[in-house]
């Protein structure tokens, strides 16, 4: 399985990827062809995540699992035997249980050895950043209007970018 999020940015099976991107970017990447229908897919969504960015009709046999807390999230990931595991990031799941961030990230990494685990957030927060440290790929796709801001201004808004990491702007 190979997913092209935007030109030059791809995801593939056998990895755990942490992605910050607008919903329409993900919908376009998955909606480009119908090949995703054949993959066993699970959506693990925190209660505060909201609606999934991908139309569930694209995945006729997809399972949807709701996680009410960090332990539910970890259990859902460990029990998954799917080809594509989509995790909708909800920082509220780790409220009061910050010590479970590392076990959750380890569960994502372990599941990513056999599947594509896609941790998706609409914006960056400290919990997402901690989970993303364990990801094989960390990708942030920002709208072109924000991408045109000077990097020093952008860094002051959201924290420093790791060395050698760049941002791609898309329209």
N, C-alpha and C. Protein backbone atom coordinates (compact mmCIF):
# COMPACT_ATOMS: atom_id res chain seq x y z
N UNK A 1 0.85 -1.17 0.00
CA UNK A 1 0.00 0.00 0.00
C UNK A 1 0.90 1.23 0.00
N UNK A 2 0.58 2.16 -0.86
CA UNK A 2 1.33 3.41 -0.95
C UNK A 2 0.31 4.55 -1.05
N UNK A 3 0.43 5.51 -0.17
CA UNK A 3 -0.48 6.65 -0.14
C UNK A 3 0.34 7.91 -0.39
N UNK A 4 -0.07 8.69 -1.37
CA UNK A 4 0.61 9.96 -1.63
C UNK A 4 -0.25 11.08 -1.04
N UNK A 5 0.22 11.66 0.06
CA UNK A 5 -0.52 12.75 0.71
C UNK A 5 -0.52 14.00 -0.16
N UNK A 6 0.62 14.32 -0.68
CA UNK A 6 0.77 15.39 -1.65
C UNK A 6 2.07 15.09 -2.40
N UNK A 7 2.36 15.85 -3.41
CA UNK A 7 3.50 15.53 -4.26
C UNK A 7 4.78 15.36 -3.44
N UNK A 8 5.37 14.18 -3.52
CA UNK A 8 6.63 13.91 -2.85
C UNK A 8 6.50 13.45 -1.41
N UNK A 9 5.28 13.36 -0.88
CA UNK A 9 5.08 12.94 0.51
C UNK A 9 4.21 11.69 0.50
N UNK A 10 4.84 10.56 0.81
CA UNK A 10 4.12 9.28 0.73
C UNK A 10 4.20 8.53 2.06
N UNK A 11 3.22 7.66 2.24
CA UNK A 11 3.17 6.75 3.37
C UNK A 11 3.01 5.35 2.80
N UNK A 12 3.52 4.35 3.53
CA UNK A 12 3.41 2.98 3.03
C UNK A 12 3.21 2.01 4.17
N UNK A 13 2.84 0.80 3.82
CA UNK A 13 2.66 -0.25 4.83
C UNK A 13 3.95 -0.48 5.59
N UNK A 14 3.81 -0.93 6.81
CA UNK A 14 4.97 -1.24 7.63
C UNK A 14 5.58 -0.02 8.31
N UNK A 15 4.75 0.97 8.60
CA UNK A 15 5.27 2.15 9.28
C UNK A 15 4.21 2.79 10.18
N UNK A 16 4.71 3.53 11.14
CA UNK A 16 3.87 4.36 12.00
C UNK A 16 4.19 5.80 11.63
N UNK A 17 3.20 6.54 11.17
CA UNK A 17 3.38 7.92 10.74
C UNK A 17 2.48 8.84 11.54
N UNK A 18 3.03 9.96 11.96
CA UNK A 18 2.28 11.00 12.66
C UNK A 18 2.09 12.15 11.69
N UNK A 19 0.84 12.50 11.41
CA UNK A 19 0.53 13.47 10.36
C UNK A 19 -0.37 14.57 10.91
N UNK A 20 0.05 15.81 10.71
CA UNK A 20 -0.81 16.96 10.96
C UNK A 20 -1.16 17.50 9.58
N UNK A 21 -2.44 17.46 9.26
CA UNK A 21 -2.87 17.90 7.94
C UNK A 21 -4.35 18.26 7.98
N UNK A 22 -4.75 19.18 7.11
CA UNK A 22 -6.17 19.47 7.00
C UNK A 22 -6.93 18.24 6.50
N UNK A 23 -8.17 18.13 6.89
CA UNK A 23 -8.98 16.98 6.50
C UNK A 23 -9.06 16.79 4.99
N UNK A 24 -9.16 17.89 4.25
CA UNK A 24 -9.32 17.75 2.79
C UNK A 24 -8.09 17.14 2.13
N UNK A 25 -6.92 17.30 2.71
CA UNK A 25 -5.70 16.68 2.16
C UNK A 25 -5.79 15.16 2.30
N UNK A 26 -6.20 14.69 3.48
CA UNK A 26 -6.35 13.25 3.67
C UNK A 26 -7.44 12.68 2.78
N UNK A 27 -8.55 13.38 2.70
CA UNK A 27 -9.66 12.89 1.86
C UNK A 27 -9.22 12.80 0.41
N UNK A 28 -8.46 13.76 -0.07
CA UNK A 28 -7.98 13.73 -1.45
C UNK A 28 -7.00 12.59 -1.66
N UNK A 29 -6.11 12.35 -0.69
CA UNK A 29 -5.12 11.29 -0.83
C UNK A 29 -5.78 9.91 -0.88
N UNK A 30 -6.76 9.70 -0.05
CA UNK A 30 -7.44 8.41 -0.02
C UNK A 30 -8.50 8.29 -1.11
N UNK A 31 -9.03 9.42 -1.55
CA UNK A 31 -10.08 9.38 -2.55
C UNK A 31 -9.57 9.33 -3.98
N UNK A 32 -8.25 9.36 -4.16
CA UNK A 32 -7.68 9.41 -5.51
C UNK A 32 -7.98 8.15 -6.32
N UNK A 33 -8.11 7.03 -5.65
CA UNK A 33 -8.50 5.79 -6.35
C UNK A 33 -9.23 4.89 -5.36
N UNK A 34 -9.83 3.86 -5.86
CA UNK A 34 -10.62 2.97 -5.01
C UNK A 34 -9.84 1.80 -4.45
N UNK A 35 -8.53 1.84 -4.56
CA UNK A 35 -7.74 0.68 -4.14
C UNK A 35 -7.79 0.43 -2.64
N UNK A 36 -8.19 1.42 -1.86
CA UNK A 36 -8.20 1.25 -0.41
C UNK A 36 -9.35 0.39 0.07
N UNK A 37 -10.31 0.14 -0.78
CA UNK A 37 -11.45 -0.69 -0.41
C UNK A 37 -11.03 -2.11 -0.05
N UNK A 38 -9.93 -2.57 -0.60
CA UNK A 38 -9.52 -3.96 -0.38
C UNK A 38 -8.76 -4.16 0.93
N UNK A 39 -8.39 -3.10 1.60
CA UNK A 39 -7.61 -3.24 2.84
C UNK A 39 -8.50 -3.28 4.06
N UNK A 40 -8.12 -4.14 5.00
CA UNK A 40 -8.84 -4.16 6.28
C UNK A 40 -8.44 -2.91 7.05
N UNK A 41 -9.42 -2.13 7.43
CA UNK A 41 -9.17 -0.83 8.02
C UNK A 41 -9.91 -0.69 9.34
N UNK A 42 -9.26 -0.04 10.28
CA UNK A 42 -9.92 0.31 11.54
C UNK A 42 -9.66 1.78 11.82
N UNK A 43 -10.70 2.47 12.23
CA UNK A 43 -10.60 3.86 12.68
C UNK A 43 -10.72 3.85 14.19
N UNK A 44 -9.68 4.28 14.88
CA UNK A 44 -9.72 4.39 16.34
C UNK A 44 -9.77 5.88 16.64
N UNK A 45 -10.91 6.33 17.13
CA UNK A 45 -11.14 7.76 17.32
C UNK A 45 -11.40 8.07 18.78
N UNK A 46 -10.70 9.07 19.29
CA UNK A 46 -10.98 9.56 20.63
C UNK A 46 -12.31 10.29 20.61
N UNK A 47 -12.96 10.35 21.75
CA UNK A 47 -14.28 10.98 21.80
C UNK A 47 -14.22 12.47 21.46
N UNK A 48 -13.09 13.12 21.66
CA UNK A 48 -12.94 14.53 21.34
C UNK A 48 -12.39 14.80 19.96
N UNK A 49 -12.18 13.77 19.15
CA UNK A 49 -11.60 13.95 17.81
C UNK A 49 -12.59 14.56 16.82
N UNK A 50 -13.83 14.20 16.93
CA UNK A 50 -14.82 14.68 15.98
C UNK A 50 -15.02 13.69 14.85
N UNK A 51 -15.60 14.16 13.78
CA UNK A 51 -15.89 13.30 12.63
C UNK A 51 -14.61 12.93 11.90
N UNK A 52 -14.52 11.69 11.42
CA UNK A 52 -13.33 11.30 10.66
C UNK A 52 -13.22 12.10 9.36
N UNK A 53 -12.00 12.43 8.94
CA UNK A 53 -11.82 13.22 7.73
C UNK A 53 -12.06 12.42 6.45
N UNK A 54 -12.12 11.12 6.57
CA UNK A 54 -12.30 10.26 5.41
C UNK A 54 -13.73 9.73 5.39
N UNK A 55 -14.39 9.76 4.25
CA UNK A 55 -15.73 9.18 4.18
C UNK A 55 -15.66 7.68 4.44
N UNK A 56 -16.39 7.21 5.43
CA UNK A 56 -16.32 5.80 5.78
C UNK A 56 -16.85 4.91 4.66
N UNK A 57 -17.63 5.46 3.73
CA UNK A 57 -18.10 4.70 2.58
C UNK A 57 -16.97 4.24 1.67
N UNK A 58 -15.81 4.90 1.76
CA UNK A 58 -14.65 4.49 0.97
C UNK A 58 -14.09 3.16 1.46
N UNK A 59 -14.43 2.80 2.69
CA UNK A 59 -13.91 1.60 3.32
C UNK A 59 -15.10 0.74 3.74
N UNK A 60 -15.64 -0.08 2.83
CA UNK A 60 -16.90 -0.77 3.10
C UNK A 60 -16.85 -1.71 4.30
N UNK A 61 -15.71 -2.26 4.60
CA UNK A 61 -15.64 -3.20 5.72
C UNK A 61 -14.83 -2.63 6.88
N UNK A 62 -14.76 -1.33 6.97
CA UNK A 62 -13.99 -0.70 8.04
C UNK A 62 -14.69 -0.86 9.38
N UNK A 63 -13.88 -0.98 10.39
CA UNK A 63 -14.39 -0.98 11.77
C UNK A 63 -14.11 0.39 12.36
N UNK A 64 -15.01 0.84 13.21
CA UNK A 64 -14.82 2.10 13.91
C UNK A 64 -14.83 1.79 15.40
N UNK A 65 -13.77 2.21 16.07
CA UNK A 65 -13.63 1.97 17.50
C UNK A 65 -13.50 3.32 18.19
N UNK A 66 -14.25 3.50 19.25
CA UNK A 66 -14.19 4.74 20.01
C UNK A 66 -13.39 4.51 21.28
N UNK A 67 -12.43 5.39 21.53
CA UNK A 67 -11.61 5.29 22.73
C UNK A 67 -12.01 6.39 23.71
N UNK A 68 -12.42 6.01 24.89
CA UNK A 68 -12.83 6.97 25.91
C UNK A 68 -11.69 7.44 26.79
N UNK A 69 -10.59 6.68 26.79
CA UNK A 69 -9.41 7.06 27.58
C UNK A 69 -8.17 6.42 26.95
N UNK A 70 -7.02 6.73 27.50
CA UNK A 70 -5.75 6.24 26.93
C UNK A 70 -5.66 4.72 26.97
N UNK A 71 -6.16 4.11 28.02
CA UNK A 71 -6.10 2.64 28.10
C UNK A 71 -6.94 1.97 27.00
N UNK A 72 -8.11 2.55 26.70
CA UNK A 72 -8.94 2.04 25.60
C UNK A 72 -8.20 2.16 24.27
N UNK A 73 -7.52 3.28 24.07
CA UNK A 73 -6.77 3.50 22.84
C UNK A 73 -5.67 2.46 22.69
N UNK A 74 -4.90 2.24 23.73
CA UNK A 74 -3.80 1.26 23.69
C UNK A 74 -4.34 -0.13 23.42
N UNK A 75 -5.43 -0.50 24.09
CA UNK A 75 -6.02 -1.83 23.89
C UNK A 75 -6.51 -2.00 22.46
N UNK A 76 -7.15 -0.97 21.90
CA UNK A 76 -7.66 -1.06 20.53
C UNK A 76 -6.51 -1.24 19.54
N UNK A 77 -5.42 -0.57 19.76
CA UNK A 77 -4.26 -0.68 18.85
C UNK A 77 -3.62 -2.06 18.99
N UNK A 78 -3.44 -2.52 20.20
CA UNK A 78 -2.81 -3.83 20.41
C UNK A 78 -3.65 -4.98 19.86
N UNK A 79 -4.97 -4.85 19.89
CA UNK A 79 -5.85 -5.91 19.41
C UNK A 79 -6.06 -5.86 17.90
N UNK A 80 -5.62 -4.79 17.26
CA UNK A 80 -5.87 -4.61 15.84
C UNK A 80 -5.00 -5.54 15.00
N UNK A 81 -5.62 -6.11 13.98
CA UNK A 81 -4.88 -6.92 13.01
C UNK A 81 -5.23 -6.44 11.60
N UNK A 82 -5.34 -5.14 11.46
CA UNK A 82 -5.76 -4.53 10.21
C UNK A 82 -4.56 -4.07 9.38
N UNK A 83 -4.79 -3.84 8.11
CA UNK A 83 -3.75 -3.36 7.22
C UNK A 83 -3.54 -1.86 7.39
N UNK A 84 -4.63 -1.14 7.60
CA UNK A 84 -4.58 0.31 7.81
C UNK A 84 -5.24 0.62 9.14
N UNK A 85 -4.48 1.27 10.02
CA UNK A 85 -4.98 1.67 11.33
C UNK A 85 -4.94 3.20 11.37
N UNK A 86 -6.11 3.82 11.36
CA UNK A 86 -6.21 5.27 11.39
C UNK A 86 -6.57 5.68 12.81
N UNK A 87 -5.70 6.47 13.44
CA UNK A 87 -5.92 6.92 14.81
C UNK A 87 -6.18 8.41 14.79
N UNK A 88 -7.38 8.81 15.19
CA UNK A 88 -7.72 10.22 15.30
C UNK A 88 -7.27 10.73 16.65
N UNK A 89 -6.29 11.64 16.65
CA UNK A 89 -5.68 12.11 17.90
C UNK A 89 -6.64 12.97 18.72
N UNK A 90 -6.77 12.61 19.97
CA UNK A 90 -7.56 13.36 20.94
C UNK A 90 -6.69 13.55 22.18
N UNK A 91 -6.13 14.75 22.41
CA UNK A 91 -5.25 14.94 23.56
C UNK A 91 -5.96 14.73 24.90
N UNK A 92 -7.27 14.86 24.90
CA UNK A 92 -8.03 14.67 26.13
C UNK A 92 -7.95 13.24 26.67
N UNK A 93 -7.62 12.28 25.82
CA UNK A 93 -7.52 10.89 26.28
C UNK A 93 -6.42 10.72 27.32
N UNK A 94 -5.40 11.57 27.25
CA UNK A 94 -4.26 11.43 28.14
C UNK A 94 -4.31 12.38 29.32
N UNK A 95 -5.42 13.07 29.49
CA UNK A 95 -5.56 14.00 30.61
C UNK A 95 -5.50 13.22 31.93
N UNK A 96 -4.52 13.53 32.74
CA UNK A 96 -4.35 12.86 34.02
C UNK A 96 -3.60 11.54 33.93
N UNK A 97 -3.33 11.07 32.73
CA UNK A 97 -2.60 9.80 32.54
C UNK A 97 -1.45 9.99 31.57
N UNK A 98 -0.70 11.06 31.76
CA UNK A 98 0.41 11.38 30.86
C UNK A 98 1.45 10.26 30.81
N UNK A 99 1.51 9.45 31.85
CA UNK A 99 2.50 8.36 31.87
C UNK A 99 2.16 7.28 30.83
N UNK A 100 0.95 7.33 30.25
CA UNK A 100 0.56 6.35 29.23
C UNK A 100 0.92 6.79 27.81
N UNK A 101 1.51 7.97 27.66
CA UNK A 101 1.90 8.44 26.33
C UNK A 101 2.95 7.50 25.73
N UNK A 102 3.96 7.16 26.49
CA UNK A 102 5.03 6.28 25.98
C UNK A 102 4.50 4.88 25.65
N UNK A 103 3.69 4.23 26.51
CA UNK A 103 3.14 2.94 26.11
C UNK A 103 2.25 3.02 24.86
N UNK A 104 1.51 4.11 24.71
CA UNK A 104 0.67 4.28 23.51
C UNK A 104 1.56 4.40 22.27
N UNK A 105 2.59 5.21 22.36
CA UNK A 105 3.51 5.37 21.22
C UNK A 105 4.19 4.05 20.88
N UNK A 106 4.55 3.27 21.90
CA UNK A 106 5.15 1.96 21.66
C UNK A 106 4.16 1.02 20.98
N UNK A 107 2.88 1.08 21.37
CA UNK A 107 1.85 0.25 20.73
C UNK A 107 1.68 0.65 19.28
N UNK A 108 1.71 1.96 18.98
CA UNK A 108 1.62 2.42 17.60
C UNK A 108 2.80 1.88 16.78
N UNK A 109 3.99 1.99 17.35
CA UNK A 109 5.20 1.51 16.65
C UNK A 109 5.14 0.02 16.39
N UNK A 110 4.70 -0.74 17.39
CA UNK A 110 4.61 -2.20 17.24
C UNK A 110 3.59 -2.57 16.16
N UNK A 111 2.44 -1.91 16.17
CA UNK A 111 1.42 -2.19 15.15
C UNK A 111 1.92 -1.76 13.77
N UNK A 112 2.75 -0.74 13.73
CA UNK A 112 3.29 -0.23 12.47
C UNK A 112 4.28 -1.16 11.80
N UNK A 113 4.72 -2.18 12.48
CA UNK A 113 5.62 -3.15 11.84
C UNK A 113 4.87 -4.00 10.82
N UNK A 114 3.57 -4.22 11.06
CA UNK A 114 2.76 -5.06 10.18
C UNK A 114 1.78 -4.26 9.33
N UNK A 115 1.45 -3.05 9.75
CA UNK A 115 0.39 -2.25 9.13
C UNK A 115 0.89 -0.84 8.87
N UNK A 116 0.04 -0.05 8.25
CA UNK A 116 0.27 1.39 8.23
C UNK A 116 -0.55 1.97 9.36
N UNK A 117 0.11 2.53 10.35
CA UNK A 117 -0.56 3.21 11.46
C UNK A 117 -0.43 4.71 11.20
N UNK A 118 -1.56 5.36 11.04
CA UNK A 118 -1.58 6.78 10.73
C UNK A 118 -2.22 7.53 11.90
N UNK A 119 -1.39 8.23 12.66
CA UNK A 119 -1.88 9.08 13.74
C UNK A 119 -2.13 10.45 13.14
N UNK A 120 -3.39 10.89 13.14
CA UNK A 120 -3.75 12.15 12.51
C UNK A 120 -4.21 13.17 13.55
N UNK A 121 -3.70 14.38 13.40
CA UNK A 121 -4.15 15.51 14.22
C UNK A 121 -4.40 16.69 13.30
N UNK A 122 -5.32 17.52 13.70
CA UNK A 122 -5.61 18.71 12.90
C UNK A 122 -4.68 19.87 13.28
N UNK A 123 -4.09 19.79 14.47
CA UNK A 123 -3.11 20.78 14.90
C UNK A 123 -2.19 20.13 15.93
N UNK A 124 -1.06 20.75 16.14
CA UNK A 124 -0.06 20.20 17.05
C UNK A 124 -0.40 20.57 18.50
N UNK A 125 -0.11 19.64 19.40
CA UNK A 125 -0.23 19.88 20.83
C UNK A 125 0.87 19.06 21.51
N UNK A 126 1.13 19.28 22.80
CA UNK A 126 2.22 18.57 23.47
C UNK A 126 2.07 17.05 23.46
N UNK A 127 0.86 16.54 23.60
CA UNK A 127 0.66 15.09 23.61
C UNK A 127 0.97 14.52 22.23
N UNK A 128 0.48 15.18 21.18
CA UNK A 128 0.79 14.72 19.82
C UNK A 128 2.29 14.71 19.58
N UNK A 129 2.97 15.77 20.00
CA UNK A 129 4.42 15.85 19.81
C UNK A 129 5.13 14.70 20.52
N UNK A 130 4.67 14.35 21.72
CA UNK A 130 5.29 13.24 22.45
C UNK A 130 5.03 11.91 21.73
N UNK A 131 3.83 11.70 21.22
CA UNK A 131 3.51 10.48 20.48
C UNK A 131 4.29 10.42 19.17
N UNK A 132 4.47 11.56 18.54
CA UNK A 132 5.14 11.62 17.24
C UNK A 132 6.63 11.32 17.33
N UNK A 133 7.22 11.49 18.49
CA UNK A 133 8.66 11.20 18.64
C UNK A 133 9.00 9.76 18.27
N UNK A 134 8.05 8.86 18.40
CA UNK A 134 8.27 7.44 18.14
C UNK A 134 7.91 7.05 16.70
N UNK A 135 7.38 7.98 15.93
CA UNK A 135 6.92 7.68 14.58
C UNK A 135 8.10 7.58 13.61
N UNK A 136 7.94 6.71 12.62
CA UNK A 136 8.95 6.60 11.57
C UNK A 136 8.93 7.85 10.68
N UNK A 137 7.75 8.42 10.47
CA UNK A 137 7.60 9.64 9.69
C UNK A 137 6.76 10.63 10.47
N UNK A 138 7.21 11.87 10.51
CA UNK A 138 6.45 12.97 11.11
C UNK A 138 6.24 14.00 10.01
N UNK A 139 4.98 14.23 9.69
CA UNK A 139 4.66 15.09 8.55
C UNK A 139 3.67 16.15 9.02
N UNK A 140 3.94 17.39 8.64
CA UNK A 140 3.00 18.48 8.89
C UNK A 140 2.75 19.19 7.58
N UNK A 141 1.52 19.15 7.14
CA UNK A 141 1.11 19.84 5.91
C UNK A 141 0.21 20.98 6.34
N UNK A 142 0.63 22.19 6.01
CA UNK A 142 -0.12 23.36 6.45
C UNK A 142 -0.70 24.08 5.23
N UNK A 143 -1.82 24.76 5.40
CA UNK A 143 -2.39 25.52 4.29
C UNK A 143 -1.40 26.57 3.78
N UNK A 144 -1.48 26.87 2.51
CA UNK A 144 -0.54 27.79 1.88
C UNK A 144 -0.52 29.15 2.55
N UNK A 145 -1.65 29.64 3.03
CA UNK A 145 -1.70 30.95 3.68
C UNK A 145 -0.80 30.98 4.91
N UNK A 146 -0.80 29.90 5.69
CA UNK A 146 0.08 29.84 6.86
C UNK A 146 1.51 29.55 6.45
N UNK A 147 1.71 28.81 5.35
CA UNK A 147 3.06 28.46 4.91
C UNK A 147 3.82 29.69 4.45
N UNK A 148 3.12 30.72 4.04
CA UNK A 148 3.80 31.91 3.54
C UNK A 148 4.32 32.81 4.66
N UNK A 149 3.97 32.52 5.91
CA UNK A 149 4.49 33.30 7.02
C UNK A 149 5.99 33.07 7.16
N UNK A 150 6.73 34.07 7.61
CA UNK A 150 8.16 33.85 7.84
C UNK A 150 8.35 32.72 8.85
N UNK A 151 9.35 31.89 8.64
CA UNK A 151 9.57 30.74 9.50
C UNK A 151 9.79 31.16 10.95
N UNK A 152 10.47 32.29 11.17
CA UNK A 152 10.70 32.71 12.56
C UNK A 152 9.38 33.03 13.25
N UNK A 153 8.44 33.64 12.52
CA UNK A 153 7.13 33.92 13.09
C UNK A 153 6.37 32.63 13.34
N UNK A 154 6.41 31.71 12.36
CA UNK A 154 5.73 30.43 12.49
C UNK A 154 6.29 29.64 13.67
N UNK A 155 7.61 29.65 13.83
CA UNK A 155 8.24 28.93 14.95
C UNK A 155 7.78 29.51 16.28
N UNK A 156 7.60 30.82 16.34
CA UNK A 156 7.15 31.41 17.60
C UNK A 156 5.71 31.01 17.92
N UNK A 157 4.91 30.69 16.89
CA UNK A 157 3.53 30.29 17.12
C UNK A 157 3.43 28.86 17.65
N UNK A 158 4.24 27.97 17.11
CA UNK A 158 4.04 26.55 17.42
C UNK A 158 5.27 25.85 17.97
N UNK A 159 6.27 26.54 18.39
CA UNK A 159 7.47 25.88 18.89
C UNK A 159 8.47 25.67 17.78
N UNK A 160 9.67 25.37 18.14
CA UNK A 160 10.75 25.20 17.17
C UNK A 160 10.59 23.93 16.35
N UNK A 161 10.95 24.00 15.09
CA UNK A 161 10.99 22.82 14.24
C UNK A 161 12.29 22.07 14.50
N UNK A 162 12.23 20.74 14.50
CA UNK A 162 13.47 19.99 14.62
C UNK A 162 14.40 20.31 13.45
N UNK A 163 15.71 20.26 13.71
CA UNK A 163 16.69 20.53 12.67
C UNK A 163 16.46 19.58 11.49
N UNK A 164 16.64 20.07 10.30
CA UNK A 164 16.52 19.31 9.06
C UNK A 164 15.09 18.90 8.74
N UNK A 165 14.12 19.51 9.37
CA UNK A 165 12.73 19.20 9.05
C UNK A 165 12.14 20.43 8.36
N UNK A 166 11.40 20.22 7.30
CA UNK A 166 10.82 21.33 6.57
C UNK A 166 9.32 21.24 6.57
N UNK A 167 8.69 22.32 6.21
CA UNK A 167 7.24 22.36 6.10
C UNK A 167 6.88 22.53 4.64
N UNK A 168 5.85 21.82 4.23
CA UNK A 168 5.35 21.94 2.88
C UNK A 168 4.03 22.67 2.92
N UNK A 169 3.86 23.65 2.08
CA UNK A 169 2.59 24.35 2.00
C UNK A 169 1.79 23.82 0.83
N UNK A 170 0.51 23.62 1.03
CA UNK A 170 -0.37 23.17 -0.04
C UNK A 170 -1.57 24.07 -0.10
N UNK A 171 -2.14 24.19 -1.25
CA UNK A 171 -3.32 25.05 -1.37
C UNK A 171 -4.57 24.23 -1.38
